[in-house]
Amino acid sequence: MGADDGWQTFTKDDPALPRAVRKEARSTGVRQRVHRVLTGVDVWVVTASGVYMGPGGQHPVRTCRVHLRPRGPVDDRPRVLVSPRTPLGGFLKGHGVDRGLGPGTGDARFDRAFRILSRHPERVLPLLTPQVRADTIEVTGTGWRLRDGMLVAEPPHAHDAYSLGDGLGTLVRMARALAAGPPGGPLP
């Protein structure tokens, strides 16, 4: 990787790194630490290898976590975790059972696939525009989280920065949309 492709390797102890990226970069098994800026969004990719203990013994695991933060000021954004629903949770949500399953967006496809966890759902739901919901379904099968204005995702089919492909542009679009806030005004 070099300057010609836009990715630059960063060191795990760089004091200029956001806290979450620095913590991730210091993890054991890290294979790749790269950064670039795309359309005003800082993008850090940290790839790690490890072992998962499951049925039948050890299984190799490789994660590619993408941290995205728009440059410039980002208004106070609530923390949110958008995570995949279990098959039963998706079935129940699709059949009108709401208790304990997180707030819904009104988008049946999104609501069956993902749950929203936040202490401030009234502030989060306006951020989940139709485009953000569609992008979530398209690229982030494992969901994403927003904390301190930074979007963190782990695209399921990516194994390093190069394998992100078009998904990287989609993640950048999501980060920009979440930073911009809901159409029509500020968050409640």
C-alpha atoms as a PDB file:
ATOM      1  CA  MET A   1       0.000   0.000   0.000  1.00  0.00           C
ATOM      2  CA  GLY A   2       1.282   3.392  -0.789  1.00  0.00           C
ATOM      3  CA  ALA A   3       0.505   6.943  -1.716  1.00  0.00           C
ATOM      4  CA  ASP A   4      -0.687   5.970  -5.204  1.00  0.00           C
ATOM      5  CA  ASP A   5      -3.781   4.164  -3.872  1.00  0.00           C
ATOM      6  CA  GLY A   6      -4.562   6.736  -1.185  1.00  0.00           C
ATOM      7  CA  TRP A   7      -4.017   4.466   1.811  1.00  0.00           C
ATOM      8  CA  GLN A   8      -1.313   5.387   4.303  1.00  0.00           C
ATOM      9  CA  THR A   9      -0.140   3.106   7.107  1.00  0.00           C
ATOM     10  CA  PHE A  10      -0.447   4.626  10.573  1.00  0.00           C
ATOM     11  CA  THR A  11       1.235   3.684  13.832  1.00  0.00           C
ATOM     12  CA  LYS A  12      -0.767   2.336  16.719  1.00  0.00           C
ATOM     13  CA  ASP A  13       0.559   4.936  19.161  1.00  0.00           C
ATOM     14  CA  ASP A  14      -0.052   8.062  17.061  1.00  0.00           C
ATOM     15  CA  PRO A  15      -1.418  10.622  19.573  1.00  0.00           C
ATOM     16  CA  ALA A  16      -3.465  12.285  16.809  1.00  0.00           C
ATOM     17  CA  LEU A  17      -5.628   9.167  16.392  1.00  0.00           C
ATOM     18  CA  PRO A  18      -9.125   9.185  17.825  1.00  0.00           C
ATOM     19  CA  ARG A  19      -9.256   7.169  21.038  1.00  0.00           C
ATOM     20  CA  ALA A  20     -11.401   4.377  19.554  1.00  0.00           C
ATOM     21  CA  VAL A  21      -9.064   3.899  16.582  1.00  0.00           C
ATOM     22  CA  ARG A  22      -5.950   3.918  18.765  1.00  0.00           C
ATOM     23  CA  LYS A  23      -7.489   1.317  21.093  1.00  0.00           C
ATOM     24  CA  GLU A  24      -8.418  -0.910  18.161  1.00  0.00           C
ATOM     25  CA  ALA A  25      -5.001  -0.478  16.529  1.00  0.00           C
ATOM     26  CA  ARG A  26      -3.291  -1.684  19.716  1.00  0.00           C
ATOM     27  CA  SER A  27      -5.241  -4.964  19.791  1.00  0.00           C
ATOM     28  CA  THR A  28      -3.438  -8.263  19.377  1.00  0.00           C
ATOM     29  CA  GLY A  29      -3.465  -9.877  15.968  1.00  0.00           C
ATOM     30  CA  VAL A  30      -3.611  -6.610  14.010  1.00  0.00           C
ATOM     31  CA  ARG A  31      -2.467  -7.140  10.424  1.00  0.00           C
ATOM     32  CA  GLN A  32      -3.295  -3.818   8.803  1.00  0.00           C
ATOM     33  CA  ARG A  33      -3.619  -0.205  10.004  1.00  0.00           C
ATOM     34  CA  VAL A  34      -4.365   2.238   7.206  1.00  0.00           C
ATOM     35  CA  HIS A  35      -5.909   5.674   6.805  1.00  0.00           C
ATOM     36  CA  ARG A  36      -7.147   7.892   3.996  1.00  0.00           C
ATOM     37  CA  VAL A  37      -9.487  10.817   3.482  1.00  0.00           C
ATOM     38  CA  LEU A  38     -12.426  10.479   1.090  1.00  0.00           C
ATOM     39  CA  THR A  39     -14.706  13.443   0.338  1.00  0.00           C
ATOM     40  CA  GLY A  40     -14.023  15.095   3.671  1.00  0.00           C
ATOM     41  CA  VAL A  41     -14.269  11.926   5.772  1.00  0.00           C
ATOM     42  CA  ASP A  42     -11.334  10.399   7.639  1.00  0.00           C
ATOM     43  CA  VAL A  43     -11.354   6.634   7.136  1.00  0.00           C
ATOM     44  CA  TRP A  44      -9.283   4.285   9.286  1.00  0.00           C
ATOM     45  CA  VAL A  45      -9.247   0.548   8.594  1.00  0.00           C
ATOM     46  CA  VAL A  46      -7.921  -1.915  11.141  1.00  0.00           C
ATOM     47  CA  THR A  47      -7.706  -5.560  10.117  1.00  0.00           C
ATOM     48  CA  ALA A  48      -6.981  -8.297  12.649  1.00  0.00           C
ATOM     49  CA  SER A  49      -6.699 -12.074  12.683  1.00  0.00           C
ATOM     50  CA  GLY A  50      -7.533 -14.357  15.534  1.00  0.00           C
ATOM     51  CA  VAL A  51      -9.101 -17.640  16.547  1.00  0.00           C
ATOM     52  CA  TYR A  52     -12.707 -18.346  17.505  1.00  0.00           C
ATOM     53  CA  MET A  53     -13.401 -21.288  19.804  1.00  0.00           C
ATOM     54  CA  GLY A  54     -16.623 -22.879  18.693  1.00  0.00           C
ATOM     55  CA  PRO A  55     -18.204 -26.211  17.911  1.00  0.00           C
ATOM     56  CA  GLY A  56     -15.550 -28.487  16.513  1.00  0.00           C
ATOM     57  CA  GLY A  57     -12.619 -26.578  17.972  1.00  0.00           C
ATOM     58  CA  GLN A  58     -10.720 -23.549  16.747  1.00  0.00           C
ATOM     59  CA  HIS A  59     -11.758 -21.539  13.713  1.00  0.00           C
ATOM     60  CA  PRO A  60      -9.668 -18.741  12.177  1.00  0.00           C
ATOM     61  CA  VAL A  61     -11.346 -15.341  12.204  1.00  0.00           C
ATOM     62  CA  ARG A  62     -10.423 -12.195  10.329  1.00  0.00           C
ATOM     63  CA  THR A  63     -12.067  -8.860  11.051  1.00  0.00           C
ATOM     64  CA  CYS A  64     -11.949  -5.658   9.055  1.00  0.00           C
ATOM     65  CA  ARG A  65     -13.255  -2.758  11.096  1.00  0.00           C
ATOM     66  CA  VAL A  66     -13.798   0.592   9.416  1.00  0.00           C
ATOM     67  CA  HIS A  67     -13.876   3.828  11.454  1.00  0.00           C
ATOM     68  CA  LEU A  68     -15.254   6.909   9.684  1.00  0.00           C
ATOM     69  CA  ARG A  69     -15.402  10.464  10.990  1.00  0.00           C
ATOM     70  CA  PRO A  70     -16.308  13.503   8.904  1.00  0.00           C
ATOM     71  CA  ARG A  71     -13.855  16.369   9.144  1.00  0.00           C
ATOM     72  CA  GLY A  72     -15.100  19.565  10.686  1.00  0.00           C
ATOM     73  CA  PRO A  73     -17.539  20.062  13.525  1.00  0.00           C
ATOM     74  CA  VAL A  74     -20.158  17.410  14.127  1.00  0.00           C
ATOM     75  CA  ASP A  75     -23.066  18.364  16.328  1.00  0.00           C
ATOM     76  CA  ASP A  76     -23.708  16.273  19.374  1.00  0.00           C
ATOM     77  CA  ARG A  77     -24.877  12.896  18.113  1.00  0.00           C
ATOM     78  CA  PRO A  78     -26.441  10.288  20.352  1.00  0.00           C
ATOM     79  CA  ARG A  79     -24.718   6.950  20.779  1.00  0.00           C
ATOM     80  CA  VAL A  80     -26.414   4.215  18.841  1.00  0.00           C
ATOM     81  CA  LEU A  81     -25.859   0.585  18.003  1.00  0.00           C
ATOM     82  CA  VAL A  82     -27.641  -0.861  14.981  1.00  0.00           C
ATOM     83  CA  SER A  83     -27.265  -4.622  15.211  1.00  0.00           C
ATOM     84  CA  PRO A  84     -28.675  -7.565  13.282  1.00  0.00           C
ATOM     85  CA  ARG A  85     -31.772  -9.187  14.712  1.00  0.00           C
ATOM     86  CA  THR A  86     -31.862 -12.867  15.453  1.00  0.00           C
ATOM     87  CA  PRO A  87     -34.164 -14.837  13.147  1.00  0.00           C
ATOM     88  CA  LEU A  88     -36.780 -15.012  15.928  1.00  0.00           C
ATOM     89  CA  GLY A  89     -36.464 -11.276  16.658  1.00  0.00           C
ATOM     90  CA  GLY A  90     -36.929 -10.483  12.975  1.00  0.00           C
ATOM     91  CA  PHE A  91     -39.986 -12.717  12.783  1.00  0.00           C
ATOM     92  CA  LEU A  92     -41.540 -11.172  15.891  1.00  0.00           C
ATOM     93  CA  LYS A  93     -40.818  -7.594  14.769  1.00  0.00           C
ATOM     94  CA  GLY A  94     -42.284  -8.414  11.356  1.00  0.00           C
ATOM     95  CA  HIS A  95     -45.459  -9.600  13.073  1.00  0.00           C
ATOM     96  CA  GLY A  96     -46.027  -6.545  15.238  1.00  0.00           C
ATOM     97  CA  VAL A  97     -44.394  -7.678  18.497  1.00  0.00           C
ATOM     98  CA  ASP A  98     -42.480  -4.662  19.760  1.00  0.00           C
ATOM     99  CA  ARG A  99     -41.764  -5.268  23.434  1.00  0.00           C
ATOM    100  CA  GLY A 100     -38.061  -5.348  24.209  1.00  0.00           C
ATOM    101  CA  LEU A 101     -37.071  -5.452  20.556  1.00  0.00           C
ATOM    102  CA  GLY A 102     -36.035  -1.820  20.119  1.00  0.00           C
ATOM    103  CA  PRO A 103     -37.824   1.015  18.346  1.00  0.00           C
ATOM    104  CA  GLY A 104     -38.855   0.629  14.749  1.00  0.00           C
ATOM    105  CA  THR A 105     -38.333   2.994  11.845  1.00  0.00           C
ATOM    106  CA  GLY A 106     -41.477   2.090   9.941  1.00  0.00           C
ATOM    107  CA  ASP A 107     -39.336   0.470   7.223  1.00  0.00           C
ATOM    108  CA  ALA A 108     -40.424  -3.177   7.433  1.00  0.00           C
ATOM    109  CA  ARG A 109     -37.368  -4.550   5.614  1.00  0.00           C
ATOM    110  CA  PHE A 110     -34.934  -2.637   7.842  1.00  0.00           C
ATOM    111  CA  ASP A 111     -36.879  -3.333  11.051  1.00  0.00           C
ATOM    112  CA  ARG A 112     -36.956  -7.089  10.400  1.00  0.00           C
ATOM    113  CA  ALA A 113     -33.189  -7.130   9.784  1.00  0.00           C
ATOM    114  CA  PHE A 114     -31.872  -4.721  12.450  1.00  0.00           C
ATOM    115  CA  ARG A 115     -32.593  -3.479  15.936  1.00  0.00           C
ATOM    116  CA  ILE A 116     -31.714  -0.052  17.256  1.00  0.00           C
ATOM    117  CA  LEU A 117     -30.177   0.280  20.686  1.00  0.00           C
ATOM    118  CA  SER A 118     -29.822   3.762  22.170  1.00  0.00           C
ATOM    119  CA  ARG A 119     -30.670   5.638  25.316  1.00  0.00           C
ATOM    120  CA  HIS A 120     -32.126   8.356  23.091  1.00  0.00           C
ATOM    121  CA  PRO A 121     -34.203   6.681  20.353  1.00  0.00           C
ATOM    122  CA  GLU A 122     -36.141   9.912  19.763  1.00  0.00           C
ATOM    123  CA  ARG A 123     -32.856  11.513  18.661  1.00  0.00           C
ATOM    124  CA  VAL A 124     -31.621   8.498  16.696  1.00  0.00           C
ATOM    125  CA  LEU A 125     -34.669   7.707  14.572  1.00  0.00           C
ATOM    126  CA  PRO A 126     -34.517  11.002  12.587  1.00  0.00           C
ATOM    127  CA  LEU A 127     -30.919  10.141  11.611  1.00  0.00           C
ATOM    128  CA  LEU A 128     -32.033   6.849  10.039  1.00  0.00           C
ATOM    129  CA  THR A 129     -33.162   8.336   6.744  1.00  0.00           C
ATOM    130  CA  PRO A 130     -34.326   6.052   3.924  1.00  0.00           C
ATOM    131  CA  GLN A 131     -30.847   6.297   2.361  1.00  0.00           C
ATOM    132  CA  VAL A 132     -29.063   5.402   5.628  1.00  0.00           C
ATOM    133  CA  ARG A 133     -31.412   2.424   6.101  1.00  0.00           C
ATOM    134  CA  ALA A 134     -30.848   1.238   2.512  1.00  0.00           C
ATOM    135  CA  ASP A 135     -27.073   1.645   2.881  1.00  0.00           C
ATOM    136  CA  THR A 136     -27.146  -0.308   6.145  1.00  0.00           C
ATOM    137  CA  ILE A 137     -28.917  -3.208   4.462  1.00  0.00           C
ATOM    138  CA  GLU A 138     -26.608  -3.088   1.430  1.00  0.00           C
ATOM    139  CA  VAL A 139     -23.203  -2.879   3.114  1.00  0.00           C
ATOM    140  CA  THR A 140     -23.309  -3.533   6.827  1.00  0.00           C
ATOM    141  CA  GLY A 141     -24.886  -6.924   7.377  1.00  0.00           C
ATOM    142  CA  THR A 142     -23.353  -6.908  10.837  1.00  0.00           C
ATOM    143  CA  GLY A 143     -24.715  -3.450  11.637  1.00  0.00           C
ATOM    144  CA  TRP A 144     -22.803  -0.418  12.847  1.00  0.00           C
ATOM    145  CA  ARG A 145     -22.370   1.904  15.791  1.00  0.00           C
ATOM    146  CA  LEU A 146     -22.127   5.655  16.166  1.00  0.00           C
ATOM    147  CA  ARG A 147     -20.167   7.076  19.081  1.00  0.00           C
ATOM    148  CA  ASP A 148     -18.668  10.525  19.495  1.00  0.00           C
ATOM    149  CA  GLY A 149     -19.572  11.355  15.885  1.00  0.00           C
ATOM    150  CA  MET A 150     -17.647   8.336  14.527  1.00  0.00           C
ATOM    151  CA  LEU A 151     -19.306   5.604  12.478  1.00  0.00           C
ATOM    152  CA  VAL A 152     -17.803   2.148  13.037  1.00  0.00           C
ATOM    153  CA  ALA A 153     -18.755  -0.765  10.799  1.00  0.00           C
ATOM    154  CA  GLU A 154     -17.485  -4.242  10.071  1.00  0.00           C
ATOM    155  CA  PRO A 155     -18.606  -5.151   6.536  1.00  0.00           C
ATOM    156  CA  PRO A 156     -19.134  -8.927   6.498  1.00  0.00           C
ATOM    157  CA  HIS A 157     -17.302  -9.681   3.226  1.00  0.00           C
ATOM    158  CA  ALA A 158     -14.307  -7.383   3.692  1.00  0.00           C
ATOM    159  CA  HIS A 159     -11.005  -8.806   4.846  1.00  0.00           C
ATOM    160  CA  ASP A 160      -8.812  -5.701   4.332  1.00  0.00           C
ATOM    161  CA  ALA A 161      -8.976  -2.115   3.043  1.00  0.00           C
ATOM    162  CA  TYR A 162      -8.733  -3.241  -0.593  1.00  0.00           C
ATOM    163  CA  SER A 163     -11.658  -5.638  -0.341  1.00  0.00           C
ATOM    164  CA  LEU A 164     -14.080  -2.885   0.727  1.00  0.00           C
ATOM    165  CA  GLY A 165     -14.682  -1.960  -2.920  1.00  0.00           C
ATOM    166  CA  ASP A 166     -17.813   0.102  -3.558  1.00  0.00           C
ATOM    167  CA  GLY A 167     -18.863  -0.511   0.038  1.00  0.00           C
ATOM    168  CA  LEU A 168     -16.316   2.078   1.144  1.00  0.00           C
ATOM    169  CA  GLY A 169     -18.119   4.811  -0.798  1.00  0.00           C
ATOM    170  CA  THR A 170     -21.405   3.720   0.757  1.00  0.00           C
ATOM    171  CA  LEU A 171     -19.901   3.872   4.261  1.00  0.00           C
ATOM    172  CA  VAL A 172     -18.530   7.356   3.549  1.00  0.00           C
ATOM    173  CA  ARG A 173     -22.003   8.444   2.401  1.00  0.00           C
ATOM    174  CA  MET A 174     -23.493   7.039   5.626  1.00  0.00           C
ATOM    175  CA  ALA A 175     -20.921   8.837   7.792  1.00  0.00           C
ATOM    176  CA  ARG A 176     -21.646  12.134   6.036  1.00  0.00           C
ATOM    177  CA  ALA A 177     -25.416  11.670   6.369  1.00  0.00           C
ATOM    178  CA  LEU A 178     -25.208  10.783  10.064  1.00  0.00           C
ATOM    179  CA  ALA A 179     -22.972  13.812  10.699  1.00  0.00           C
ATOM    180  CA  ALA A 180     -25.251  16.156   8.734  1.00  0.00           C
ATOM    181  CA  GLY A 181     -28.254  15.191  10.811  1.00  0.00           C
ATOM    182  CA  PRO A 182     -31.844  14.723   9.759  1.00  0.00           C
ATOM    183  CA  PRO A 183     -33.218  16.557   6.751  1.00  0.00           C
ATOM    184  CA  GLY A 184     -35.114  19.651   7.743  1.00  0.00           C
ATOM    185  CA  GLY A 185     -33.352  20.598  10.942  1.00  0.00           C
ATOM    186  CA  PRO A 186     -31.473  19.718  14.079  1.00  0.00           C
ATOM    187  CA  LEU A 187     -32.052  16.710  16.279  1.00  0.00           C
ATOM    188  CA  PRO A 188     -34.715  16.960  18.986  1.00  0.00           C
END
